[in-house]
Amino acid sequence: MSNFFDDYLNIKRMIEEKKAYKQQMQRVNALPADYQYVFKKIQGYTWQFVAGAGYDMMELHWGLLELFEEGASEGKPVLEVTGEDVAGFVDELLKNTRTNTEDWRAKLNREIHDKI
């Protein structure tokens, strides 16, 4: 129950995360236009899989931002950073992030094991 309060009802943490998100988006908006576009598309896609309060997904986005900043500073095209299969790139990113998919899988297994 403590995790619930820490994740969902921690007003201080929510305010800090909102500030961090705004800072993150300022940095995104400083990227070249193609990097901005791809970041925002990936960001929108990954939010569909968010589990819990979304703090894990914010960490993923910070890592992606740093990768994009590095690629942009080196003058690389954004698809050189992600590869042509951007969805595959995102799938790899999501492997290390808690998602709703994991929760759904765990629920399915739990319900079956409880019944049988």
PDB file of N, CA and C in Angstrom:
ATOM      1  N   MET A   1       0.820  -1.199   0.000  1.00  0.00           N
ATOM      2  CA  MET A   1       0.000   0.000   0.000  1.00  0.00           C
ATOM      3  C   MET A   1       0.866   1.266   0.000  1.00  0.00           C
ATOM      4  N   SER A   2       2.052   1.160   0.611  1.00  0.00           N
ATOM      5  CA  SER A   2       2.953   2.301   0.667  1.00  0.00           C
ATOM      6  C   SER A   2       3.352   2.754  -0.735  1.00  0.00           C
ATOM      7  N   ASN A   3       3.604   1.798  -1.642  1.00  0.00           N
ATOM      8  CA  ASN A   3       3.966   2.156  -3.017  1.00  0.00           C
ATOM      9  C   ASN A   3       2.855   2.938  -3.680  1.00  0.00           C
ATOM     10  N   PHE A   4       1.616   2.573  -3.389  1.00  0.00           N
ATOM     11  CA  PHE A   4       0.474   3.280  -3.965  1.00  0.00           C
ATOM     12  C   PHE A   4       0.543   4.762  -3.607  1.00  0.00           C
ATOM     13  N   PHE A   5       0.737   5.045  -2.322  1.00  0.00           N
ATOM     14  CA  PHE A   5       0.796   6.441  -1.882  1.00  0.00           C
ATOM     15  C   PHE A   5       2.025   7.144  -2.443  1.00  0.00           C
ATOM     16  N   ASP A   6       3.145   6.438  -2.494  1.00  0.00           N
ATOM     17  CA  ASP A   6       4.365   7.039  -3.039  1.00  0.00           C
ATOM     18  C   ASP A   6       4.208   7.375  -4.518  1.00  0.00           C
ATOM     19  N   ASP A   7       3.508   6.530  -5.246  1.00  0.00           N
ATOM     20  CA  ASP A   7       3.370   6.725  -6.684  1.00  0.00           C
ATOM     21  C   ASP A   7       2.214   7.644  -7.075  1.00  0.00           C
ATOM     22  N   TYR A   8       1.077   7.480  -6.427  1.00  0.00           N
ATOM     23  CA  TYR A   8      -0.131   8.156  -6.900  1.00  0.00           C
ATOM     24  C   TYR A   8      -0.557   9.365  -6.082  1.00  0.00           C
ATOM     25  N   LEU A   9      -0.241   9.391  -4.816  1.00  0.00           N
ATOM     26  CA  LEU A   9      -0.731  10.473  -3.976  1.00  0.00           C
ATOM     27  C   LEU A   9       0.382  11.335  -3.392  1.00  0.00           C
ATOM     28  N   ASN A  10       1.559  11.209  -3.935  1.00  0.00           N
ATOM     29  CA  ASN A  10       2.698  11.983  -3.468  1.00  0.00           C
ATOM     30  C   ASN A  10       2.729  13.292  -4.258  1.00  0.00           C
ATOM     31  N   ILE A  11       2.083  14.306  -3.708  1.00  0.00           N
ATOM     32  CA  ILE A  11       1.941  15.585  -4.407  1.00  0.00           C
ATOM     33  C   ILE A  11       3.303  16.208  -4.702  1.00  0.00           C
ATOM     34  N   LYS A  12       4.207  16.135  -3.751  1.00  0.00           N
ATOM     35  CA  LYS A  12       5.549  16.700  -3.960  1.00  0.00           C
ATOM     36  C   LYS A  12       6.223  16.045  -5.159  1.00  0.00           C
ATOM     37  N   ARG A  13       6.143  14.724  -5.238  1.00  0.00           N
ATOM     38  CA  ARG A  13       6.767  14.021  -6.361  1.00  0.00           C
ATOM     39  C   ARG A  13       6.080  14.377  -7.676  1.00  0.00           C
ATOM     40  N   MET A  14       4.771  14.513  -7.639  1.00  0.00           N
ATOM     41  CA  MET A  14       4.033  14.865  -8.858  1.00  0.00           C
ATOM     42  C   MET A  14       4.468  16.239  -9.376  1.00  0.00           C
ATOM     43  N   ILE A  15       4.656  17.192  -8.466  1.00  0.00           N
ATOM     44  CA  ILE A  15       5.089  18.532  -8.855  1.00  0.00           C
ATOM     45  C   ILE A  15       6.501  18.487  -9.428  1.00  0.00           C
ATOM     46  N   GLU A  16       7.377  17.715  -8.775  1.00  0.00           N
ATOM     47  CA  GLU A  16       8.750  17.580  -9.264  1.00  0.00           C
ATOM     48  C   GLU A  16       8.778  16.950 -10.652  1.00  0.00           C
ATOM     49  N   GLU A  17       7.961  15.917 -10.857  1.00  0.00           N
ATOM     50  CA  GLU A  17       7.919  15.246 -12.160  1.00  0.00           C
ATOM     51  C   GLU A  17       7.369  16.171 -13.244  1.00  0.00           C
ATOM     52  N   LYS A  18       6.392  16.992 -12.885  1.00  0.00           N
ATOM     53  CA  LYS A  18       5.842  17.930 -13.865  1.00  0.00           C
ATOM     54  C   LYS A  18       6.898  18.952 -14.275  1.00  0.00           C
ATOM     55  N   LYS A  19       7.677  19.447 -13.312  1.00  0.00           N
ATOM     56  CA  LYS A  19       8.768  20.377 -13.621  1.00  0.00           C
ATOM     57  C   LYS A  19       9.803  19.697 -14.512  1.00  0.00           C
ATOM     58  N   ALA A  20      10.138  18.464 -14.169  1.00  0.00           N
ATOM     59  CA  ALA A  20      11.126  17.721 -14.963  1.00  0.00           C
ATOM     60  C   ALA A  20      10.617  17.515 -16.386  1.00  0.00           C
ATOM     61  N   TYR A  21       9.331  17.204 -16.518  1.00  0.00           N
ATOM     62  CA  TYR A  21       8.746  17.012 -17.846  1.00  0.00           C
ATOM     63  C   TYR A  21       8.854  18.300 -18.671  1.00  0.00           C
ATOM     64  N   LYS A  22       8.551  19.430 -18.057  1.00  0.00           N
ATOM     65  CA  LYS A  22       8.650  20.709 -18.773  1.00  0.00           C
ATOM     66  C   LYS A  22      10.089  20.985 -19.207  1.00  0.00           C
ATOM     67  N   GLN A  23      11.043  20.682 -18.337  1.00  0.00           N
ATOM     68  CA  GLN A  23      12.457  20.846 -18.689  1.00  0.00           C
ATOM     69  C   GLN A  23      12.827  19.918 -19.844  1.00  0.00           C
ATOM     70  N   GLN A  24      12.316  18.699 -19.770  1.00  0.00           N
ATOM     71  CA  GLN A  24      12.595  17.732 -20.827  1.00  0.00           C
ATOM     72  C   GLN A  24      12.074  18.251 -22.162  1.00  0.00           C
ATOM     73  N   MET A  25      10.864  18.763 -22.173  1.00  0.00           N
ATOM     74  CA  MET A  25      10.275  19.225 -23.428  1.00  0.00           C
ATOM     75  C   MET A  25      10.982  20.473 -23.953  1.00  0.00           C
ATOM     76  N   GLN A  26      11.528  21.298 -23.074  1.00  0.00           N
ATOM     77  CA  GLN A  26      12.332  22.435 -23.543  1.00  0.00           C
ATOM     78  C   GLN A  26      13.563  21.932 -24.291  1.00  0.00           C
ATOM     79  N   ARG A  27      14.184  20.897 -23.764  1.00  0.00           N
ATOM     80  CA  ARG A  27      15.355  20.315 -24.423  1.00  0.00           C
ATOM     81  C   ARG A  27      14.958  19.648 -25.737  1.00  0.00           C
ATOM     82  N   VAL A  28      13.815  18.987 -25.760  1.00  0.00           N
ATOM     83  CA  VAL A  28      13.332  18.362 -26.997  1.00  0.00           C
ATOM     84  C   VAL A  28      13.125  19.441 -28.055  1.00  0.00           C
ATOM     85  N   ASN A  29      12.519  20.551 -27.662  1.00  0.00           N
ATOM     86  CA  ASN A  29      12.232  21.623 -28.614  1.00  0.00           C
ATOM     87  C   ASN A  29      13.488  22.317 -29.116  1.00  0.00           C
ATOM     88  N   ALA A  30      14.628  22.083 -28.468  1.00  0.00           N
ATOM     89  CA  ALA A  30      15.899  22.636 -28.943  1.00  0.00           C
ATOM     90  C   ALA A  30      16.566  21.726 -29.978  1.00  0.00           C
ATOM     91  N   LEU A  31      16.043  20.519 -30.149  1.00  0.00           N
ATOM     92  CA  LEU A  31      16.591  19.579 -31.134  1.00  0.00           C
ATOM     93  C   LEU A  31      16.210  20.010 -32.548  1.00  0.00           C
ATOM     94  N   PRO A  32      16.932  19.518 -33.556  1.00  0.00           N
ATOM     95  CA  PRO A  32      16.512  19.749 -34.942  1.00  0.00           C
ATOM     96  C   PRO A  32      15.093  19.202 -35.158  1.00  0.00           C
ATOM     97  N   ALA A  33      14.398  19.767 -36.115  1.00  0.00           N
ATOM     98  CA  ALA A  33      12.983  19.446 -36.339  1.00  0.00           C
ATOM     99  C   ALA A  33      12.729  17.951 -36.531  1.00  0.00           C
ATOM    100  N   ASP A  34      13.589  17.255 -37.276  1.00  0.00           N
ATOM    101  CA  ASP A  34      13.343  15.831 -37.496  1.00  0.00           C
ATOM    102  C   ASP A  34      13.501  15.030 -36.207  1.00  0.00           C
ATOM    103  N   TYR A  35      14.439  15.415 -35.369  1.00  0.00           N
ATOM    104  CA  TYR A  35      14.605  14.765 -34.068  1.00  0.00           C
ATOM    105  C   TYR A  35      13.395  15.036 -33.170  1.00  0.00           C
ATOM    106  N   GLN A  36      12.913  16.279 -33.193  1.00  0.00           N
ATOM    107  CA  GLN A  36      11.732  16.619 -32.403  1.00  0.00           C
ATOM    108  C   GLN A  36      10.543  15.751 -32.813  1.00  0.00           C
ATOM    109  N   TYR A  37      10.344  15.664 -34.109  1.00  0.00           N
ATOM    110  CA  TYR A  37       9.208  14.900 -34.623  1.00  0.00           C
ATOM    111  C   TYR A  37       9.284  13.442 -34.183  1.00  0.00           C
ATOM    112  N   VAL A  38      10.431  12.823 -34.362  1.00  0.00           N
ATOM    113  CA  VAL A  38      10.586  11.410 -34.020  1.00  0.00           C
ATOM    114  C   VAL A  38      10.468  11.220 -32.505  1.00  0.00           C
ATOM    115  N   PHE A  39      11.067  12.111 -31.722  1.00  0.00           N
ATOM    116  CA  PHE A  39      10.955  11.999 -30.265  1.00  0.00           C
ATOM    117  C   PHE A  39       9.493  12.038 -29.838  1.00  0.00           C
ATOM    118  N   LYS A  40       8.761  13.012 -30.340  1.00  0.00           N
ATOM    119  CA  LYS A  40       7.357  13.171 -29.940  1.00  0.00           C
ATOM    120  C   LYS A  40       6.501  11.997 -30.401  1.00  0.00           C
ATOM    121  N   LYS A  41       6.788  11.449 -31.561  1.00  0.00           N
ATOM    122  CA  LYS A  41       6.051  10.266 -32.025  1.00  0.00           C
ATOM    123  C   LYS A  41       6.348   9.067 -31.117  1.00  0.00           C
ATOM    124  N   ILE A  42       7.617   8.874 -30.784  1.00  0.00           N
ATOM    125  CA  ILE A  42       7.997   7.776 -29.890  1.00  0.00           C
ATOM    126  C   ILE A  42       7.390   8.003 -28.514  1.00  0.00           C
ATOM    127  N   GLN A  43       7.452   9.219 -28.043  1.00  0.00           N
ATOM    128  CA  GLN A  43       6.894   9.545 -26.732  1.00  0.00           C
ATOM    129  C   GLN A  43       5.403   9.215 -26.683  1.00  0.00           C
ATOM    130  N   GLY A  44       4.657   9.638 -27.680  1.00  0.00           N
ATOM    131  CA  GLY A  44       3.222   9.349 -27.735  1.00  0.00           C
ATOM    132  C   GLY A  44       2.946   7.858 -27.777  1.00  0.00           C
ATOM    133  N   TYR A  45       3.750   7.150 -28.535  1.00  0.00           N
ATOM    134  CA  TYR A  45       3.590   5.692 -28.655  1.00  0.00           C
ATOM    135  C   TYR A  45       3.875   5.004 -27.324  1.00  0.00           C
ATOM    136  N   THR A  46       4.954   5.394 -26.658  1.00  0.00           N
ATOM    137  CA  THR A  46       5.337   4.710 -25.424  1.00  0.00           C
ATOM    138  C   THR A  46       4.360   4.987 -24.287  1.00  0.00           C
ATOM    139  N   TRP A  47       3.724   6.159 -24.275  1.00  0.00           N
ATOM    140  CA  TRP A  47       2.766   6.449 -23.198  1.00  0.00           C
ATOM    141  C   TRP A  47       1.595   5.480 -23.222  1.00  0.00           C
ATOM    142  N   GLN A  48       1.331   4.847 -24.349  1.00  0.00           N
ATOM    143  CA  GLN A  48       0.251   3.856 -24.425  1.00  0.00           C
ATOM    144  C   GLN A  48       0.526   2.638 -23.543  1.00  0.00           C
ATOM    145  N   PHE A  49       1.786   2.399 -23.238  1.00  0.00           N
ATOM    146  CA  PHE A  49       2.184   1.204 -22.503  1.00  0.00           C
ATOM    147  C   PHE A  49       2.510   1.489 -21.038  1.00  0.00           C
ATOM    148  N   VAL A  50       2.340   2.727 -20.611  1.00  0.00           N
ATOM    149  CA  VAL A  50       2.765   3.125 -19.276  1.00  0.00           C
ATOM    150  C   VAL A  50       2.054   2.305 -18.198  1.00  0.00           C
ATOM    151  N   ALA A  51       2.815   1.941 -17.197  1.00  0.00           N
ATOM    152  CA  ALA A  51       2.262   1.223 -16.049  1.00  0.00           C
ATOM    153  C   ALA A  51       2.443   2.099 -14.814  1.00  0.00           C
ATOM    154  N   GLY A  52       1.563   1.941 -13.876  1.00  0.00           N
ATOM    155  CA  GLY A  52       1.679   2.707 -12.642  1.00  0.00           C
ATOM    156  C   GLY A  52       1.540   4.190 -12.902  1.00  0.00           C
ATOM    157  N   ALA A  53       2.352   4.967 -12.212  1.00  0.00           N
ATOM    158  CA  ALA A  53       2.274   6.423 -12.311  1.00  0.00           C
ATOM    159  C   ALA A  53       3.053   6.976 -13.501  1.00  0.00           C
ATOM    160  N   GLY A  54       3.801   6.147 -14.210  1.00  0.00           N
ATOM    161  CA  GLY A  54       4.512   6.580 -15.406  1.00  0.00           C
ATOM    162  C   GLY A  54       5.941   7.030 -15.179  1.00  0.00           C
ATOM    163  N   TYR A  55       6.437   6.898 -13.965  1.00  0.00           N
ATOM    164  CA  TYR A  55       7.795   7.358 -13.681  1.00  0.00           C
ATOM    165  C   TYR A  55       8.837   6.565 -14.465  1.00  0.00           C
ATOM    166  N   ASP A  56       8.599   5.271 -14.678  1.00  0.00           N
ATOM    167  CA  ASP A  56       9.529   4.458 -15.471  1.00  0.00           C
ATOM    168  C   ASP A  56       9.618   4.982 -16.900  1.00  0.00           C
ATOM    169  N   MET A  57       8.478   5.392 -17.437  1.00  0.00           N
ATOM    170  CA  MET A  57       8.458   5.874 -18.815  1.00  0.00           C
ATOM    171  C   MET A  57       9.203   7.201 -18.929  1.00  0.00           C
ATOM    172  N   MET A  58       9.127   8.020 -17.902  1.00  0.00           N
ATOM    173  CA  MET A  58       9.882   9.273 -17.924  1.00  0.00           C
ATOM    174  C   MET A  58      11.380   8.995 -17.983  1.00  0.00           C
ATOM    175  N   GLU A  59      11.827   7.981 -17.258  1.00  0.00           N
ATOM    176  CA  GLU A  59      13.248   7.611 -17.316  1.00  0.00           C
ATOM    177  C   GLU A  59      13.634   7.185 -18.726  1.00  0.00           C
ATOM    178  N   LEU A  60      12.766   6.418 -19.369  1.00  0.00           N
ATOM    179  CA  LEU A  60      13.016   6.001 -20.747  1.00  0.00           C
ATOM    180  C   LEU A  60      13.145   7.231 -21.646  1.00  0.00           C
ATOM    181  N   HIS A  61      12.265   8.202 -21.471  1.00  0.00           N
ATOM    182  CA  HIS A  61      12.287   9.403 -22.306  1.00  0.00           C
ATOM    183  C   HIS A  61      13.541  10.230 -22.066  1.00  0.00           C
ATOM    184  N   TRP A  62      14.027  10.283 -20.821  1.00  0.00           N
ATOM    185  CA  TRP A  62      15.277  11.001 -20.551  1.00  0.00           C
ATOM    186  C   TRP A  62      16.431  10.336 -21.294  1.00  0.00           C
ATOM    187  N   GLY A  63      16.477   9.017 -21.258  1.00  0.00           N
ATOM    188  CA  GLY A  63      17.533   8.304 -21.970  1.00  0.00           C
ATOM    189  C   GLY A  63      17.466   8.537 -23.468  1.00  0.00           C
ATOM    190  N   LEU A  64      16.246   8.514 -23.997  1.00  0.00           N
ATOM    191  CA  LEU A  64      16.045   8.769 -25.428  1.00  0.00           C
ATOM    192  C   LEU A  64      16.488  10.187 -25.782  1.00  0.00           C
ATOM    193  N   LEU A  65      16.145  11.144 -24.950  1.00  0.00           N
ATOM    194  CA  LEU A  65      16.531  12.531 -25.194  1.00  0.00           C
ATOM    195  C   LEU A  65      18.049  12.672 -25.239  1.00  0.00           C
ATOM    196  N   GLU A  66      18.725  12.056 -24.293  1.00  0.00           N
ATOM    197  CA  GLU A  66      20.198  12.130 -24.278  1.00  0.00           C
ATOM    198  C   GLU A  66      20.788  11.504 -25.535  1.00  0.00           C
ATOM    199  N   LEU A  67      20.238  10.377 -25.959  1.00  0.00           N
ATOM    200  CA  LEU A  67      20.688   9.724 -27.186  1.00  0.00           C
ATOM    201  C   LEU A  67      20.478  10.637 -28.389  1.00  0.00           C
ATOM    202  N   PHE A  68      19.316  11.265 -28.460  1.00  0.00           N
ATOM    203  CA  PHE A  68      19.012  12.162 -29.575  1.00  0.00           C
ATOM    204  C   PHE A  68      19.889  13.408 -29.542  1.00  0.00           C
ATOM    205  N   GLU A  69      20.135  13.956 -28.371  1.00  0.00           N
ATOM    206  CA  GLU A  69      21.012  15.128 -28.282  1.00  0.00           C
ATOM    207  C   GLU A  69      22.412  14.787 -28.779  1.00  0.00           C
ATOM    208  N   GLU A  70      22.888  13.615 -28.406  1.00  0.00           N
ATOM    209  CA  GLU A  70      24.215  13.188 -28.849  1.00  0.00           C
ATOM    210  C   GLU A  70      24.240  13.003 -30.364  1.00  0.00           C
ATOM    211  N   GLY A  71      23.223  12.331 -30.902  1.00  0.00           N
ATOM    212  CA  GLY A  71      23.157  12.123 -32.346  1.00  0.00           C
ATOM    213  C   GLY A  71      23.080  13.432 -33.111  1.00  0.00           C
ATOM    214  N   ALA A  72      22.276  14.357 -32.612  1.00  0.00           N
ATOM    215  CA  ALA A  72      22.132  15.656 -33.274  1.00  0.00           C
ATOM    216  C   ALA A  72      23.447  16.445 -33.214  1.00  0.00           C
ATOM    217  N   SER A  73      24.136  16.381 -32.074  1.00  0.00           N
ATOM    218  CA  SER A  73      25.399  17.126 -31.942  1.00  0.00           C
ATOM    219  C   SER A  73      26.473  16.570 -32.874  1.00  0.00           C
ATOM    220  N   GLU A  74      26.362  15.286 -33.218  1.00  0.00           N
ATOM    221  CA  GLU A  74      27.304  14.667 -34.143  1.00  0.00           C
ATOM    222  C   GLU A  74      26.871  14.836 -35.598  1.00  0.00           C
ATOM    223  N   GLY A  75      25.720  15.466 -35.803  1.00  0.00           N
ATOM    224  CA  GLY A  75      25.226  15.715 -37.151  1.00  0.00           C
ATOM    225  C   GLY A  75      24.626  14.501 -37.835  1.00  0.00           C
ATOM    226  N   LYS A  76      24.276  13.484 -37.066  1.00  0.00           N
ATOM    227  CA  LYS A  76      23.690  12.269 -37.641  1.00  0.00           C
ATOM    228  C   LYS A  76      22.214  12.497 -37.970  1.00  0.00           C
ATOM    229  N   PRO A  77      21.735  11.921 -39.061  1.00  0.00           N
ATOM    230  CA  PRO A  77      20.289  11.924 -39.309  1.00  0.00           C
ATOM    231  C   PRO A  77      19.605  11.089 -38.224  1.00  0.00           C
ATOM    232  N   VAL A  78      18.404  11.469 -37.849  1.00  0.00           N
ATOM    233  CA  VAL A  78      17.715  10.798 -36.746  1.00  0.00           C
ATOM    234  C   VAL A  78      17.522   9.307 -37.012  1.00  0.00           C
ATOM    235  N   LEU A  79      17.266   8.926 -38.255  1.00  0.00           N
ATOM    236  CA  LEU A  79      17.062   7.510 -38.553  1.00  0.00           C
ATOM    237  C   LEU A  79      18.365   6.713 -38.507  1.00  0.00           C
ATOM    238  N   GLU A  80      19.488   7.404 -38.509  1.00  0.00           N
ATOM    239  CA  GLU A  80      20.754   6.717 -38.275  1.00  0.00           C
ATOM    240  C   GLU A  80      20.872   6.352 -36.787  1.00  0.00           C
ATOM    241  N   VAL A  81      20.277   7.154 -35.945  1.00  0.00           N
ATOM    242  CA  VAL A  81      20.299   6.902 -34.504  1.00  0.00           C
ATOM    243  C   VAL A  81      19.321   5.778 -34.142  1.00  0.00           C
ATOM    244  N   THR A  82      18.117   5.833 -34.685  1.00  0.00           N
ATOM    245  CA  THR A  82      17.088   4.846 -34.336  1.00  0.00           C
ATOM    246  C   THR A  82      17.140   3.600 -35.204  1.00  0.00           C
ATOM    247  N   GLY A  83      17.670   3.737 -36.404  1.00  0.00           N
ATOM    248  CA  GLY A  83      17.546   2.688 -37.403  1.00  0.00           C
ATOM    249  C   GLY A  83      16.264   2.912 -38.188  1.00  0.00           C
ATOM    250  N   GLU A  84      16.154   2.264 -39.315  1.00  0.00           N
ATOM    251  CA  GLU A  84      14.978   2.440 -40.179  1.00  0.00           C
ATOM    252  C   GLU A  84      13.701   1.907 -39.526  1.00  0.00           C
ATOM    253  N   ASP A  85      13.822   0.853 -38.726  1.00  0.00           N
ATOM    254  CA  ASP A  85      12.670   0.266 -38.044  1.00  0.00           C
ATOM    255  C   ASP A  85      12.511   0.935 -36.680  1.00  0.00           C
ATOM    256  N   VAL A  86      11.855   2.092 -36.689  1.00  0.00           N
ATOM    257  CA  VAL A  86      11.710   2.863 -35.459  1.00  0.00           C
ATOM    258  C   VAL A  86      10.869   2.090 -34.440  1.00  0.00           C
ATOM    259  N   ALA A  87       9.844   1.393 -34.882  1.00  0.00           N
ATOM    260  CA  ALA A  87       9.009   0.600 -33.967  1.00  0.00           C
ATOM    261  C   ALA A  87       9.843  -0.488 -33.294  1.00  0.00           C
ATOM    262  N   GLY A  88      10.728  -1.120 -34.031  1.00  0.00           N
ATOM    263  CA  GLY A  88      11.620  -2.124 -33.455  1.00  0.00           C
ATOM    264  C   GLY A  88      12.563  -1.503 -32.437  1.00  0.00           C
ATOM    265  N   PHE A  89      13.044  -0.309 -32.743  1.00  0.00           N
ATOM    266  CA  PHE A  89      13.896   0.434 -31.820  1.00  0.00           C
ATOM    267  C   PHE A  89      13.150   0.690 -30.511  1.00  0.00           C
ATOM    268  N   VAL A  90      11.903   1.112 -30.624  1.00  0.00           N
ATOM    269  CA  VAL A  90      11.096   1.397 -29.434  1.00  0.00           C
ATOM    270  C   VAL A  90      10.822   0.112 -28.645  1.00  0.00           C
ATOM    271  N   ASP A  91      10.564  -0.978 -29.347  1.00  0.00           N
ATOM    272  CA  ASP A  91      10.351  -2.258 -28.656  1.00  0.00           C
ATOM    273  C   ASP A  91      11.554  -2.618 -27.799  1.00  0.00           C
ATOM    274  N   GLU A  92      12.749  -2.362 -28.309  1.00  0.00           N
ATOM    275  CA  GLU A  92      13.961  -2.631 -27.535  1.00  0.00           C
ATOM    276  C   GLU A  92      14.032  -1.724 -26.306  1.00  0.00           C
ATOM    277  N   LEU A  93      13.661  -0.463 -26.475  1.00  0.00           N
ATOM    278  CA  LEU A  93      13.655   0.454 -25.340  1.00  0.00           C
ATOM    279  C   LEU A  93      12.675  -0.020 -24.260  1.00  0.00           C
ATOM    280  N   LEU A  94      11.525  -0.499 -24.694  1.00  0.00           N
ATOM    281  CA  LEU A  94      10.475  -0.894 -23.756  1.00  0.00           C
ATOM    282  C   LEU A  94      10.796  -2.185 -23.003  1.00  0.00           C
ATOM    283  N   LYS A  95      11.743  -2.956 -23.492  1.00  0.00           N
ATOM    284  CA  LYS A  95      12.083  -4.222 -22.829  1.00  0.00           C
ATOM    285  C   LYS A  95      12.546  -4.022 -21.390  1.00  0.00           C
ATOM    286  N   ASN A  96      13.151  -2.894 -21.105  1.00  0.00           N
ATOM    287  CA  ASN A  96      13.681  -2.638 -19.768  1.00  0.00           C
ATOM    288  C   ASN A  96      12.799  -1.689 -18.957  1.00  0.00           C
ATOM    289  N   THR A  97      11.569  -1.487 -19.408  1.00  0.00           N
ATOM    290  CA  THR A  97      10.662  -0.557 -18.754  1.00  0.00           C
ATOM    291  C   THR A  97       9.395  -1.294 -18.336  1.00  0.00           C
ATOM    292  N   ARG A  98       8.901  -0.987 -17.148  1.00  0.00           N
ATOM    293  CA  ARG A  98       7.650  -1.594 -16.688  1.00  0.00           C
ATOM    294  C   ARG A  98       6.508  -1.057 -17.542  1.00  0.00           C
ATOM    295  N   THR A  99       5.719  -1.973 -18.096  1.00  0.00           N
ATOM    296  CA  THR A  99       4.607  -1.586 -18.959  1.00  0.00           C
ATOM    297  C   THR A  99       3.324  -2.268 -18.505  1.00  0.00           C
ATOM    298  N   ASN A 100       2.211  -1.787 -19.027  1.00  0.00           N
ATOM    299  CA  ASN A 100       0.922  -2.427 -18.755  1.00  0.00           C
ATOM    300  C   ASN A 100       0.901  -3.841 -19.304  1.00  0.00           C
ATOM    301  N   THR A 101       1.620  -4.078 -20.384  1.00  0.00           N
ATOM    302  CA  THR A 101       1.660  -5.404 -20.981  1.00  0.00           C
ATOM    303  C   THR A 101       2.126  -6.432 -19.963  1.00  0.00           C
ATOM    304  N   GLU A 102       3.154  -6.080 -19.191  1.00  0.00           N
ATOM    305  CA  GLU A 102       3.633  -6.987 -18.144  1.00  0.00           C
ATOM    306  C   GLU A 102       2.547  -7.233 -17.111  1.00  0.00           C
ATOM    307  N   ASP A 103       1.833  -6.182 -16.731  1.00  0.00           N
ATOM    308  CA  ASP A 103       0.761  -6.317 -15.749  1.00  0.00           C
ATOM    309  C   ASP A 103      -0.345  -7.222 -16.287  1.00  0.00           C
ATOM    310  N   TRP A 104      -0.684  -7.063 -17.563  1.00  0.00           N
ATOM    311  CA  TRP A 104      -1.739  -7.888 -18.149  1.00  0.00           C
ATOM    312  C   TRP A 104      -1.314  -9.357 -18.193  1.00  0.00           C
ATOM    313  N   ARG A 105      -0.059  -9.596 -18.540  1.00  0.00           N
ATOM    314  CA  ARG A 105       0.457 -10.967 -18.566  1.00  0.00           C
ATOM    315  C   ARG A 105       0.429 -11.583 -17.170  1.00  0.00           C
ATOM    316  N   ALA A 106       0.890 -10.832 -16.195  1.00  0.00           N
ATOM    317  CA  ALA A 106       0.910 -11.325 -14.811  1.00  0.00           C
ATOM    318  C   ALA A 106      -0.508 -11.612 -14.325  1.00  0.00           C
ATOM    319  N   LYS A 107      -1.442 -10.753 -14.661  1.00  0.00           N
ATOM    320  CA  LYS A 107      -2.839 -10.955 -14.251  1.00  0.00           C
ATOM    321  C   LYS A 107      -3.403 -12.220 -14.880  1.00  0.00           C
ATOM    322  N   LEU A 108      -3.151 -12.429 -16.152  1.00  0.00           N
ATOM    323  CA  LEU A 108      -3.636 -13.626 -16.834  1.00  0.00           C
ATOM    324  C   LEU A 108      -3.101 -14.875 -16.150  1.00  0.00           C
ATOM    325  N   ASN A 109      -1.795 -14.918 -15.935  1.00  0.00           N
ATOM    326  CA  ASN A 109      -1.186 -16.084 -15.284  1.00  0.00           C
ATOM    327  C   ASN A 109      -1.717 -16.279 -13.868  1.00  0.00           C
ATOM    328  N   ARG A 110      -1.849 -15.197 -13.127  1.00  0.00           N
ATOM    329  CA  ARG A 110      -2.327 -15.276 -11.746  1.00  0.00           C
ATOM    330  C   ARG A 110      -3.750 -15.824 -11.698  1.00  0.00           C
ATOM    331  N   GLU A 111      -4.630 -15.307 -12.558  1.00  0.00           N
ATOM    332  CA  GLU A 111      -6.018 -15.749 -12.569  1.00  0.00           C
ATOM    333  C   GLU A 111      -6.134 -17.224 -12.925  1.00  0.00           C
ATOM    334  N   ILE A 112      -5.342 -17.657 -13.896  1.00  0.00           N
ATOM    335  CA  ILE A 112      -5.390 -19.067 -14.287  1.00  0.00           C
ATOM    336  C   ILE A 112      -4.850 -19.945 -13.171  1.00  0.00           C
ATOM    337  N   HIS A 113      -3.741 -19.556 -12.591  1.00  0.00           N
ATOM    338  CA  HIS A 113      -3.147 -20.363 -11.516  1.00  0.00           C
ATOM    339  C   HIS A 113      -4.034 -20.392 -10.289  1.00  0.00           C
ATOM    340  N   ASP A 114      -4.728 -19.299 -10.002  1.00  0.00           N
ATOM    341  CA  ASP A 114      -5.634 -19.274  -8.847  1.00  0.00           C
ATOM    342  C   ASP A 114      -6.822 -20.199  -9.068  1.00  0.00           C
ATOM    343  N   LYS A 115      -7.261 -20.306 -10.278  1.00  0.00           N
ATOM    344  CA  LYS A 115      -8.435 -21.126 -10.599  1.00  0.00           C
ATOM    345  C   LYS A 115      -8.088 -22.603 -10.707  1.00  0.00           C
ATOM    346  N   ILE A 116      -6.929 -22.915 -11.236  1.00  0.00           N
ATOM    347  CA  ILE A 116      -6.596 -24.312 -11.521  1.00  0.00           C
ATOM    348  C   ILE A 116      -5.750 -24.918 -10.445  1.00  0.00           C
TER     349      ILE A 116
END
